[in-house]
Amino acid sequence: MTDAPIESWLARVRGRVQGVGFREACVWEAESLGLTGWVRNRADGSVEALLQGRPEQVARMREWLGHGPPMAAVLELALSQAPDDVQRFVRFERRRSE
């Protein structure tokens, strides 16, 4: 186990990302990497996620978000570091659409 700091990133994924199992696959992938945070659909057709974990975990999830599950067609992935005071999560969850 490493003492690496925990990073928090916000991700917005655009393309064919709703109705293709993106959120469920995202939860599975995040849990397999040991990340915490959440994922949800947005009213504009995008998917938004908060990723929390060690830098190497977050990097692998960011790579996965660039293509998503097999039925998805990711056209754009926007990433930004979350504010330092963002809530810390203990698991990765699927949130209600917003």
N, C-alpha and C. Protein backbone atom coordinates (compact mmCIF):
# COMPACT_ATOMS: atom_id res chain seq x y z
N MET A 1 0.85 -1.19 0.00
CA MET A 1 0.00 0.00 0.00
C MET A 1 0.89 1.24 0.00
N THR A 2 0.48 2.22 -0.74
CA THR A 2 1.26 3.45 -0.85
C THR A 2 0.63 4.57 -0.04
N ASP A 3 1.45 5.54 0.32
CA ASP A 3 0.95 6.71 1.04
C ASP A 3 0.68 7.86 0.08
N ALA A 4 0.50 7.55 -1.19
CA ALA A 4 0.25 8.58 -2.19
C ALA A 4 -1.00 9.37 -1.82
N PRO A 5 -1.01 10.64 -2.13
CA PRO A 5 -2.18 11.46 -1.83
C PRO A 5 -3.39 11.03 -2.65
N ILE A 6 -4.56 11.35 -2.14
CA ILE A 6 -5.80 11.08 -2.85
C ILE A 6 -6.13 12.29 -3.71
N GLU A 7 -6.40 12.03 -4.99
CA GLU A 7 -6.81 13.09 -5.90
C GLU A 7 -8.31 13.01 -6.13
N SER A 8 -8.90 14.15 -6.44
CA SER A 8 -10.32 14.22 -6.79
C SER A 8 -10.45 14.96 -8.11
N TRP A 9 -11.09 14.31 -9.09
CA TRP A 9 -11.28 14.87 -10.43
C TRP A 9 -12.75 14.82 -10.82
N LEU A 10 -13.20 15.85 -11.50
CA LEU A 10 -14.52 15.86 -12.11
C LEU A 10 -14.37 15.55 -13.59
N ALA A 11 -15.22 14.68 -14.09
CA ALA A 11 -15.17 14.30 -15.50
C ALA A 11 -16.54 14.51 -16.12
N ARG A 12 -16.56 15.00 -17.37
CA ARG A 12 -17.78 15.11 -18.14
C ARG A 12 -17.54 14.41 -19.46
N VAL A 13 -18.37 13.43 -19.76
CA VAL A 13 -18.21 12.61 -20.97
C VAL A 13 -19.39 12.89 -21.89
N ARG A 14 -19.07 13.22 -23.15
CA ARG A 14 -20.10 13.51 -24.14
C ARG A 14 -19.98 12.55 -25.32
N GLY A 15 -21.12 12.33 -25.97
CA GLY A 15 -21.18 11.42 -27.10
C GLY A 15 -22.39 10.52 -26.92
N ARG A 16 -22.30 9.29 -27.40
CA ARG A 16 -23.37 8.30 -27.15
C ARG A 16 -23.02 7.61 -25.84
N VAL A 17 -23.44 8.24 -24.72
CA VAL A 17 -23.04 7.75 -23.40
C VAL A 17 -24.23 7.50 -22.48
N GLN A 18 -25.44 7.78 -22.95
CA GLN A 18 -26.63 7.45 -22.17
C GLN A 18 -27.40 6.37 -22.91
N GLY A 19 -27.97 5.44 -22.15
CA GLY A 19 -28.74 4.35 -22.75
C GLY A 19 -27.88 3.22 -23.28
N VAL A 20 -26.60 3.21 -22.91
CA VAL A 20 -25.67 2.18 -23.39
C VAL A 20 -24.98 1.46 -22.23
N GLY A 21 -25.48 1.63 -21.00
CA GLY A 21 -24.88 0.98 -19.84
C GLY A 21 -23.63 1.67 -19.33
N PHE A 22 -23.45 2.93 -19.68
CA PHE A 22 -22.22 3.64 -19.31
C PHE A 22 -22.06 3.75 -17.80
N ARG A 23 -23.12 4.16 -17.10
CA ARG A 23 -22.99 4.34 -15.65
C ARG A 23 -22.70 3.03 -14.93
N GLU A 24 -23.42 1.98 -15.30
CA GLU A 24 -23.18 0.69 -14.65
C GLU A 24 -21.75 0.21 -14.89
N ALA A 25 -21.28 0.34 -16.13
CA ALA A 25 -19.91 -0.06 -16.45
C ALA A 25 -18.91 0.82 -15.71
N CYS A 26 -19.25 2.09 -15.57
CA CYS A 26 -18.38 3.03 -14.85
C CYS A 26 -18.25 2.63 -13.37
N VAL A 27 -19.35 2.28 -12.76
CA VAL A 27 -19.31 1.82 -11.36
C VAL A 27 -18.44 0.58 -11.24
N TRP A 28 -18.65 -0.38 -12.13
CA TRP A 28 -17.87 -1.62 -12.08
C TRP A 28 -16.38 -1.32 -12.25
N GLU A 29 -16.03 -0.50 -13.23
CA GLU A 29 -14.63 -0.17 -13.50
C GLU A 29 -14.00 0.56 -12.31
N ALA A 30 -14.72 1.55 -11.78
CA ALA A 30 -14.21 2.32 -10.65
C ALA A 30 -13.98 1.42 -9.43
N GLU A 31 -14.94 0.55 -9.15
CA GLU A 31 -14.79 -0.36 -8.01
C GLU A 31 -13.61 -1.30 -8.22
N SER A 32 -13.43 -1.77 -9.45
CA SER A 32 -12.32 -2.69 -9.71
C SER A 32 -10.97 -1.99 -9.53
N LEU A 33 -10.93 -0.68 -9.73
CA LEU A 33 -9.70 0.09 -9.54
C LEU A 33 -9.53 0.60 -8.11
N GLY A 34 -10.55 0.43 -7.28
CA GLY A 34 -10.48 0.90 -5.90
C GLY A 34 -10.78 2.38 -5.73
N LEU A 35 -11.49 2.97 -6.70
CA LEU A 35 -11.84 4.39 -6.61
C LEU A 35 -13.11 4.60 -5.80
N THR A 36 -13.27 5.80 -5.31
CA THR A 36 -14.52 6.23 -4.69
C THR A 36 -15.04 7.42 -5.49
N GLY A 37 -16.29 7.79 -5.22
CA GLY A 37 -16.91 8.92 -5.91
C GLY A 37 -18.29 8.56 -6.41
N TRP A 38 -18.65 9.09 -7.58
CA TRP A 38 -19.99 8.85 -8.11
C TRP A 38 -20.03 9.09 -9.61
N VAL A 39 -21.14 8.65 -10.24
CA VAL A 39 -21.40 8.88 -11.65
C VAL A 39 -22.89 9.13 -11.81
N ARG A 40 -23.26 10.01 -12.75
CA ARG A 40 -24.67 10.31 -13.01
C ARG A 40 -24.86 10.81 -14.43
N ASN A 41 -26.07 10.63 -14.95
CA ASN A 41 -26.46 11.21 -16.23
C ASN A 41 -26.81 12.67 -16.01
N ARG A 42 -26.56 13.48 -17.05
CA ARG A 42 -26.95 14.88 -17.02
C ARG A 42 -28.06 15.11 -18.05
N ALA A 43 -28.87 16.12 -17.81
CA ALA A 43 -30.00 16.41 -18.69
C ALA A 43 -29.57 16.74 -20.12
N ASP A 44 -28.32 17.20 -20.30
CA ASP A 44 -27.85 17.55 -21.64
C ASP A 44 -27.36 16.34 -22.44
N GLY A 45 -27.52 15.12 -21.88
CA GLY A 45 -27.12 13.91 -22.58
C GLY A 45 -25.72 13.42 -22.24
N SER A 46 -25.02 14.17 -21.41
CA SER A 46 -23.66 13.77 -21.01
C SER A 46 -23.72 12.92 -19.74
N VAL A 47 -22.57 12.39 -19.38
CA VAL A 47 -22.39 11.67 -18.11
C VAL A 47 -21.33 12.43 -17.33
N GLU A 48 -21.58 12.60 -16.04
CA GLU A 48 -20.66 13.31 -15.16
C GLU A 48 -20.19 12.36 -14.06
N ALA A 49 -18.94 12.46 -13.67
CA ALA A 49 -18.41 11.59 -12.62
C ALA A 49 -17.43 12.36 -11.75
N LEU A 50 -17.39 11.99 -10.48
CA LEU A 50 -16.38 12.46 -9.55
C LEU A 50 -15.52 11.26 -9.21
N LEU A 51 -14.23 11.38 -9.47
CA LEU A 51 -13.28 10.29 -9.24
C LEU A 51 -12.38 10.64 -8.09
N GLN A 52 -12.23 9.73 -7.13
CA GLN A 52 -11.34 9.95 -6.00
C GLN A 52 -10.47 8.71 -5.81
N GLY A 53 -9.17 8.93 -5.73
CA GLY A 53 -8.26 7.82 -5.52
C GLY A 53 -6.82 8.26 -5.66
N ARG A 54 -5.92 7.29 -5.61
CA ARG A 54 -4.50 7.57 -5.81
C ARG A 54 -4.27 7.96 -7.26
N PRO A 55 -3.22 8.71 -7.53
CA PRO A 55 -2.98 9.19 -8.90
C PRO A 55 -3.01 8.09 -9.96
N GLU A 56 -2.41 6.95 -9.69
CA GLU A 56 -2.39 5.88 -10.71
C GLU A 56 -3.78 5.28 -10.92
N GLN A 57 -4.61 5.23 -9.89
CA GLN A 57 -5.98 4.73 -10.03
C GLN A 57 -6.80 5.69 -10.88
N VAL A 58 -6.67 6.97 -10.57
CA VAL A 58 -7.41 8.00 -11.30
C VAL A 58 -6.97 8.02 -12.76
N ALA A 59 -5.68 7.89 -13.01
CA ALA A 59 -5.17 7.89 -14.39
C ALA A 59 -5.77 6.74 -15.19
N ARG A 60 -5.87 5.57 -14.60
CA ARG A 60 -6.45 4.41 -15.31
C ARG A 60 -7.94 4.62 -15.59
N MET A 61 -8.65 5.24 -14.64
CA MET A 61 -10.07 5.50 -14.84
C MET A 61 -10.27 6.58 -15.89
N ARG A 62 -9.44 7.58 -15.90
CA ARG A 62 -9.53 8.62 -16.92
C ARG A 62 -9.31 8.01 -18.31
N GLU A 63 -8.40 7.08 -18.42
CA GLU A 63 -8.18 6.39 -19.69
C GLU A 63 -9.42 5.62 -20.11
N TRP A 64 -10.04 4.90 -19.16
CA TRP A 64 -11.25 4.13 -19.46
C TRP A 64 -12.38 5.05 -19.90
N LEU A 65 -12.54 6.19 -19.23
CA LEU A 65 -13.61 7.12 -19.59
C LEU A 65 -13.48 7.62 -21.02
N GLY A 66 -12.29 7.60 -21.57
CA GLY A 66 -12.06 8.04 -22.93
C GLY A 66 -12.71 7.17 -23.99
N HIS A 67 -13.11 5.95 -23.60
CA HIS A 67 -13.80 5.07 -24.55
C HIS A 67 -15.05 4.45 -23.94
N GLY A 68 -15.09 4.23 -22.65
CA GLY A 68 -16.28 3.68 -21.99
C GLY A 68 -16.55 2.24 -22.39
N PRO A 69 -17.77 1.76 -22.13
CA PRO A 69 -18.14 0.38 -22.47
C PRO A 69 -18.31 0.21 -23.98
N PRO A 70 -18.42 -1.04 -24.45
CA PRO A 70 -18.45 -1.32 -25.89
C PRO A 70 -19.51 -0.57 -26.69
N MET A 71 -20.70 -0.36 -26.16
CA MET A 71 -21.78 0.30 -26.91
C MET A 71 -21.68 1.82 -26.92
N ALA A 72 -20.79 2.38 -26.13
CA ALA A 72 -20.65 3.83 -26.06
C ALA A 72 -19.81 4.35 -27.22
N ALA A 73 -19.99 5.63 -27.52
CA ALA A 73 -19.16 6.33 -28.50
C ALA A 73 -18.78 7.66 -27.87
N VAL A 74 -17.65 7.70 -27.19
CA VAL A 74 -17.20 8.91 -26.51
C VAL A 74 -16.63 9.88 -27.55
N LEU A 75 -17.19 11.08 -27.58
CA LEU A 75 -16.72 12.11 -28.49
C LEU A 75 -15.86 13.14 -27.78
N GLU A 76 -16.11 13.32 -26.48
CA GLU A 76 -15.37 14.33 -25.71
C GLU A 76 -15.28 13.91 -24.25
N LEU A 77 -14.11 14.11 -23.68
CA LEU A 77 -13.89 13.88 -22.26
C LEU A 77 -13.26 15.14 -21.69
N ALA A 78 -13.97 15.82 -20.82
CA ALA A 78 -13.46 17.02 -20.17
C ALA A 78 -13.16 16.69 -18.72
N LEU A 79 -11.96 17.05 -18.27
CA LEU A 79 -11.52 16.75 -16.90
C LEU A 79 -11.06 18.03 -16.21
N SER A 80 -11.39 18.12 -14.92
CA SER A 80 -10.89 19.23 -14.12
C SER A 80 -10.69 18.73 -12.70
N GLN A 81 -9.68 19.27 -12.04
CA GLN A 81 -9.45 18.88 -10.67
C GLN A 81 -10.56 19.44 -9.80
N ALA A 82 -11.08 18.62 -8.90
CA ALA A 82 -12.15 19.05 -8.00
C ALA A 82 -11.56 19.97 -6.93
N PRO A 83 -12.39 20.84 -6.35
CA PRO A 83 -11.90 21.71 -5.28
C PRO A 83 -11.37 20.89 -4.10
N ASP A 84 -10.43 21.47 -3.38
CA ASP A 84 -9.82 20.77 -2.23
C ASP A 84 -10.84 20.40 -1.16
N ASP A 85 -11.93 21.16 -1.05
CA ASP A 85 -12.91 20.90 0.00
C ASP A 85 -14.05 19.98 -0.44
N VAL A 86 -13.88 19.29 -1.57
CA VAL A 86 -14.92 18.38 -2.04
C VAL A 86 -15.12 17.24 -1.03
N GLN A 87 -16.37 16.82 -0.87
CA GLN A 87 -16.69 15.72 0.05
C GLN A 87 -15.91 14.48 -0.33
N ARG A 88 -15.42 13.74 0.68
CA ARG A 88 -14.75 12.46 0.43
C ARG A 88 -15.77 11.34 0.52
N PHE A 89 -15.67 10.40 -0.39
CA PHE A 89 -16.60 9.27 -0.45
C PHE A 89 -15.90 7.99 0.00
N VAL A 90 -16.69 7.02 0.47
CA VAL A 90 -16.13 5.75 0.94
C VAL A 90 -16.36 4.63 -0.06
N ARG A 91 -17.18 4.89 -1.10
CA ARG A 91 -17.42 3.91 -2.16
C ARG A 91 -17.74 4.68 -3.43
N PHE A 92 -17.88 3.95 -4.54
CA PHE A 92 -18.25 4.57 -5.81
C PHE A 92 -19.71 4.24 -6.05
N GLU A 93 -20.51 5.26 -6.29
CA GLU A 93 -21.96 5.05 -6.40
C GLU A 93 -22.55 5.65 -7.68
N ARG A 94 -23.65 5.07 -8.06
CA ARG A 94 -24.45 5.60 -9.18
C ARG A 94 -25.46 6.55 -8.57
N ARG A 95 -25.45 7.78 -9.05
CA ARG A 95 -26.38 8.79 -8.53
C ARG A 95 -27.53 8.99 -9.51
N ARG A 96 -28.60 9.60 -8.98
CA ARG A 96 -29.76 9.93 -9.81
C ARG A 96 -29.35 10.93 -10.87
N SER A 97 -30.03 10.87 -12.00
CA SER A 97 -29.77 11.81 -13.09
C SER A 97 -30.07 13.22 -12.63
N GLU A 98 -29.37 14.16 -13.22
CA GLU A 98 -29.57 15.57 -12.86
C GLU A 98 -29.63 16.42 -14.09
